[in-house]
C-alpha atoms as a PDB file:
ATOM      1  CA  MET A   1    -173.054  27.214 -76.590  1.00  0.00           C
ATOM      2  CA  THR A   2    -170.863  24.580 -75.013  1.00  0.00           C
ATOM      3  CA  SER A   3    -167.653  23.410 -76.524  1.00  0.00           C
ATOM      4  CA  VAL A   4    -166.952  19.704 -76.565  1.00  0.00           C
ATOM      5  CA  GLN A   5    -163.435  18.733 -75.598  1.00  0.00           C
ATOM      6  CA  LYS A   6    -161.770  16.286 -77.927  1.00  0.00           C
ATOM      7  CA  PRO A   7    -158.725  14.050 -77.466  1.00  0.00           C
ATOM      8  CA  VAL A   8    -156.640  16.013 -79.973  1.00  0.00           C
ATOM      9  CA  ALA A   9    -153.208  14.655 -78.983  1.00  0.00           C
ATOM     10  CA  ALA A  10    -154.377  11.042 -79.032  1.00  0.00           C
ATOM     11  CA  PHE A  11    -156.111  11.644 -82.365  1.00  0.00           C
ATOM     12  CA  ALA A  12    -153.069  13.253 -84.002  1.00  0.00           C
ATOM     13  CA  VAL A  13    -150.613  10.595 -82.811  1.00  0.00           C
ATOM     14  CA  SER A  14    -152.966   7.762 -83.787  1.00  0.00           C
ATOM     15  CA  LEU A  15    -153.650   9.288 -87.195  1.00  0.00           C
ATOM     16  CA  VAL A  16    -149.931   9.519 -87.984  1.00  0.00           C
ATOM     17  CA  ALA A  17    -149.456   5.963 -86.705  1.00  0.00           C
ATOM     18  CA  GLY A  18    -152.248   4.622 -88.899  1.00  0.00           C
ATOM     19  CA  ALA A  19    -150.877   6.436 -91.940  1.00  0.00           C
ATOM     20  CA  LEU A  20    -147.418   4.937 -91.334  1.00  0.00           C
ATOM     21  CA  MET A  21    -148.904   1.462 -90.913  1.00  0.00           C
ATOM     22  CA  VAL A  22    -150.867   1.758 -94.152  1.00  0.00           C
ATOM     23  CA  ALA A  23    -147.773   3.061 -95.960  1.00  0.00           C
ATOM     24  CA  GLY A  24    -145.694   0.183 -94.572  1.00  0.00           C
ATOM     25  CA  GLY A  25    -148.306  -2.356 -95.650  1.00  0.00           C
ATOM     26  CA  VAL A  26    -148.528  -0.892 -99.143  1.00  0.00           C
ATOM     27  CA  MET A  27    -144.740  -0.867 -99.476  1.00  0.00           C
ATOM     28  CA  GLY A  28    -144.553  -4.444 -98.230  1.00  0.00           C
ATOM     29  CA  LEU A  29    -147.130  -5.566-100.780  1.00  0.00           C
ATOM     30  CA  ALA A  30    -145.351  -3.619-103.540  1.00  0.00           C
ATOM     31  CA  ALA A  31    -142.042  -5.246-102.607  1.00  0.00           C
ATOM     32  CA  TRP A  32    -143.726  -8.654-102.534  1.00  0.00           C
ATOM     33  CA  THR A  33    -145.140  -8.064-106.002  1.00  0.00           C
ATOM     34  CA  TRP A  34    -141.800  -6.838-107.336  1.00  0.00           C
ATOM     35  CA  TRP A  35    -139.857  -9.735-105.834  1.00  0.00           C
ATOM     36  CA  ARG A  36    -142.444 -12.276-106.917  1.00  0.00           C
ATOM     37  CA  TRP A  37    -142.407 -11.302-110.586  1.00  0.00           C
ATOM     38  CA  MET A  38    -138.735 -10.454-111.109  1.00  0.00           C
ATOM     39  CA  PRO A  39    -137.509 -12.800-113.851  1.00  0.00           C
ATOM     40  CA  MET A  40    -133.950 -12.938-112.530  1.00  0.00           C
ATOM     41  CA  TRP A  41    -135.164 -14.509-109.273  1.00  0.00           C
ATOM     42  CA  GLY A  42    -136.661 -17.517-111.072  1.00  0.00           C
ATOM     43  CA  TRP A  43    -133.934 -19.793-109.729  1.00  0.00           C
ATOM     44  CA  MET A  44    -135.116 -18.978-106.188  1.00  0.00           C
ATOM     45  CA  THR A  45    -138.700 -20.131-106.787  1.00  0.00           C
ATOM     46  CA  PRO A  46    -138.399 -23.224-104.549  1.00  0.00           C
ATOM     47  CA  MET A  47    -137.101 -21.065-101.681  1.00  0.00           C
ATOM     48  CA  TRP A  48    -139.692 -18.367-102.306  1.00  0.00           C
ATOM     49  CA  GLY A  49    -142.740 -20.468-101.396  1.00  0.00           C
ATOM     50  CA  MET A  50    -143.024 -20.169 -97.609  1.00  0.00           C
ATOM     51  CA  MET A  51    -141.179 -16.874 -97.293  1.00  0.00           C
ATOM     52  CA  GLY A  52    -143.300 -15.262 -99.998  1.00  0.00           C
ATOM     53  CA  SER A  53    -146.511 -16.459 -98.397  1.00  0.00           C
ATOM     54  CA  LEU A  54    -145.484 -15.115 -94.987  1.00  0.00           C
ATOM     55  CA  TRP A  55    -144.419 -11.824 -96.530  1.00  0.00           C
ATOM     56  CA  LEU A  56    -147.821 -11.486 -98.194  1.00  0.00           C
ATOM     57  CA  VAL A  57    -149.718 -12.349 -95.000  1.00  0.00           C
ATOM     58  CA  PHE A  58    -147.711 -10.041 -92.751  1.00  0.00           C
ATOM     59  CA  SER A  59    -147.812  -7.126 -95.209  1.00  0.00           C
ATOM     60  CA  SER A  60    -151.572  -7.543 -95.535  1.00  0.00           C
ATOM     61  CA  LEU A  61    -151.879  -7.714 -91.755  1.00  0.00           C
ATOM     62  CA  GLY A  62    -149.961  -4.443 -91.445  1.00  0.00           C
ATOM     63  CA  LEU A  63    -152.168  -2.796 -94.072  1.00  0.00           C
ATOM     64  CA  VAL A  64    -155.410  -3.932 -92.413  1.00  0.00           C
ATOM     65  CA  SER A  65    -154.162  -2.943 -88.947  1.00  0.00           C
ATOM     66  CA  GLY A  66    -153.269   0.509 -90.247  1.00  0.00           C
ATOM     67  CA  ALA A  67    -156.703   0.935 -91.789  1.00  0.00           C
ATOM     68  CA  VAL A  68    -158.361  -0.059 -88.503  1.00  0.00           C
ATOM     69  CA  VAL A  69    -156.153   2.367 -86.544  1.00  0.00           C
ATOM     70  CA  LEU A  70    -157.019   5.180 -88.979  1.00  0.00           C
ATOM     71  CA  ALA A  71    -160.727   4.437 -88.687  1.00  0.00           C
ATOM     72  CA  ALA A  72    -160.536   4.197 -84.889  1.00  0.00           C
ATOM     73  CA  ALA A  73    -158.654   7.509 -84.694  1.00  0.00           C
ATOM     74  CA  LEU A  74    -161.304   9.252 -86.781  1.00  0.00           C
ATOM     75  CA  LEU A  75    -164.115   7.704 -84.747  1.00  0.00           C
ATOM     76  CA  MET A  76    -162.366   8.663 -81.507  1.00  0.00           C
ATOM     77  CA  TYR A  77    -162.233  12.285 -82.642  1.00  0.00           C
ATOM     78  CA  SER A  78    -165.842  12.350 -83.795  1.00  0.00           C
ATOM     79  CA  ARG A  79    -167.126  10.539 -80.676  1.00  0.00           C
ATOM     80  CA  PRO A  80    -164.948  11.772 -77.811  1.00  0.00           C
ATOM     81  CA  GLU A  81    -167.238  10.208 -75.184  1.00  0.00           C
ATOM     82  CA  GLN A  82    -166.037   6.801 -76.455  1.00  0.00           C
ATOM     83  CA  ALA A  83    -162.347   7.728 -76.509  1.00  0.00           C
ATOM     84  CA  GLN A  84    -161.342   4.978 -74.083  1.00  0.00           C
ATOM     85  CA  SER A  85    -162.972   2.279 -76.216  1.00  0.00           C
ATOM     86  CA  TRP A  86    -161.383   3.532 -79.432  1.00  0.00           C
ATOM     87  CA  GLY A  87    -158.070   3.864 -77.610  1.00  0.00           C
ATOM     88  CA  THR A  88    -158.264   0.182 -76.729  1.00  0.00           C
ATOM     89  CA  VAL A  89    -158.899  -0.696 -80.384  1.00  0.00           C
ATOM     90  CA  ILE A  90    -155.949   1.462 -81.442  1.00  0.00           C
ATOM     91  CA  LEU A  91    -153.699  -0.128 -78.824  1.00  0.00           C
ATOM     92  CA  VAL A  92    -154.625  -3.699 -79.793  1.00  0.00           C
ATOM     93  CA  PHE A  93    -154.272  -3.202 -83.549  1.00  0.00           C
ATOM     94  CA  SER A  94    -151.014  -1.300 -83.109  1.00  0.00           C
ATOM     95  CA  ALA A  95    -149.601  -4.255 -81.201  1.00  0.00           C
ATOM     96  CA  VAL A  96    -150.902  -6.654 -83.874  1.00  0.00           C
ATOM     97  CA  SER A  97    -149.317  -4.535 -86.600  1.00  0.00           C
ATOM     98  CA  LEU A  98    -145.891  -5.328 -85.184  1.00  0.00           C
ATOM     99  CA  LEU A  99    -146.198  -8.696 -86.937  1.00  0.00           C
ATOM    100  CA  GLY A 100    -146.333  -6.807 -90.237  1.00  0.00           C
ATOM    101  CA  MET A 101    -143.428  -4.500 -89.323  1.00  0.00           C
ATOM    102  CA  GLY A 102    -145.861  -2.015 -87.770  1.00  0.00           C
ATOM    103  CA  GLY A 103    -145.473   0.894 -90.156  1.00  0.00           C
ATOM    104  CA  PHE A 104    -141.687   0.792 -90.081  1.00  0.00           C
ATOM    105  CA  VAL A 105    -141.957   0.002 -86.341  1.00  0.00           C
ATOM    106  CA  ILE A 106    -142.371   3.699 -85.507  1.00  0.00           C
ATOM    107  CA  GLY A 107    -146.014   3.474 -86.609  1.00  0.00           C
ATOM    108  CA  ALA A 108    -146.696   0.743 -84.055  1.00  0.00           C
ATOM    109  CA  VAL A 109    -144.892   2.671 -81.319  1.00  0.00           C
ATOM    110  CA  LEU A 110    -146.879   5.829 -82.104  1.00  0.00           C
ATOM    111  CA  GLY A 111    -150.083   3.782 -82.249  1.00  0.00           C
ATOM    112  CA  ILE A 112    -149.422   2.309 -78.820  1.00  0.00           C
ATOM    113  CA  MET A 113    -148.732   5.811 -77.500  1.00  0.00           C
ATOM    114  CA  GLY A 114    -151.904   7.167 -79.129  1.00  0.00           C
ATOM    115  CA  GLY A 115    -153.963   4.310 -77.730  1.00  0.00           C
ATOM    116  CA  VAL A 116    -152.649   4.908 -74.229  1.00  0.00           C
ATOM    117  CA  LEU A 117    -153.265   8.654 -74.539  1.00  0.00           C
ATOM    118  CA  ALA A 118    -156.857   7.953 -75.568  1.00  0.00           C
ATOM    119  CA  MET A 119    -157.387   5.473 -72.744  1.00  0.00           C
ATOM    120  CA  VAL A 120    -156.237   7.918 -70.064  1.00  0.00           C
ATOM    121  CA  TRP A 121    -157.978  10.957 -71.611  1.00  0.00           C
ATOM    122  CA  LYS A 122    -160.688  12.507 -69.481  1.00  0.00           C
ATOM    123  CA  THR A 123    -163.393  14.856 -70.735  1.00  0.00           C
END
C-alpha cells in the first residue's frame, strides 16, 4: 500500500485564507445592507449612489474570490498531482480579492502564501 503525499501546508493556509475572504465578503455585504437601509442616512442618498455600488461590487468580488480559493484548496488536497495548477488559481484569486479587502487583507496575504506553497510543492 503506497501513501500519497499531499500538500498539507498549502492546503491549510489556503483554506484559512478562503474562509477569511468569505467572511470578509459576507461582512461587507452585511454592512452594505445595513448602511443602505438605515433610515437616519436618508439625507446621504445622493452621495450613496456610486459609493454604495462600488461597495456592493467589491464585497461581492471578495466573497466570490473566497469561494473560489476554498474550492481550489479542497481540489488541491484531493488531487495533489495538480497542486501547481490549483496553486496558480489560488494565487490569482487571492490577488483579485485585494480589491474587495481580501478577507481583512490577511486573507489575501495567506492566500498568496498558500498559492506559492502549492506552486513550489513537489510530490
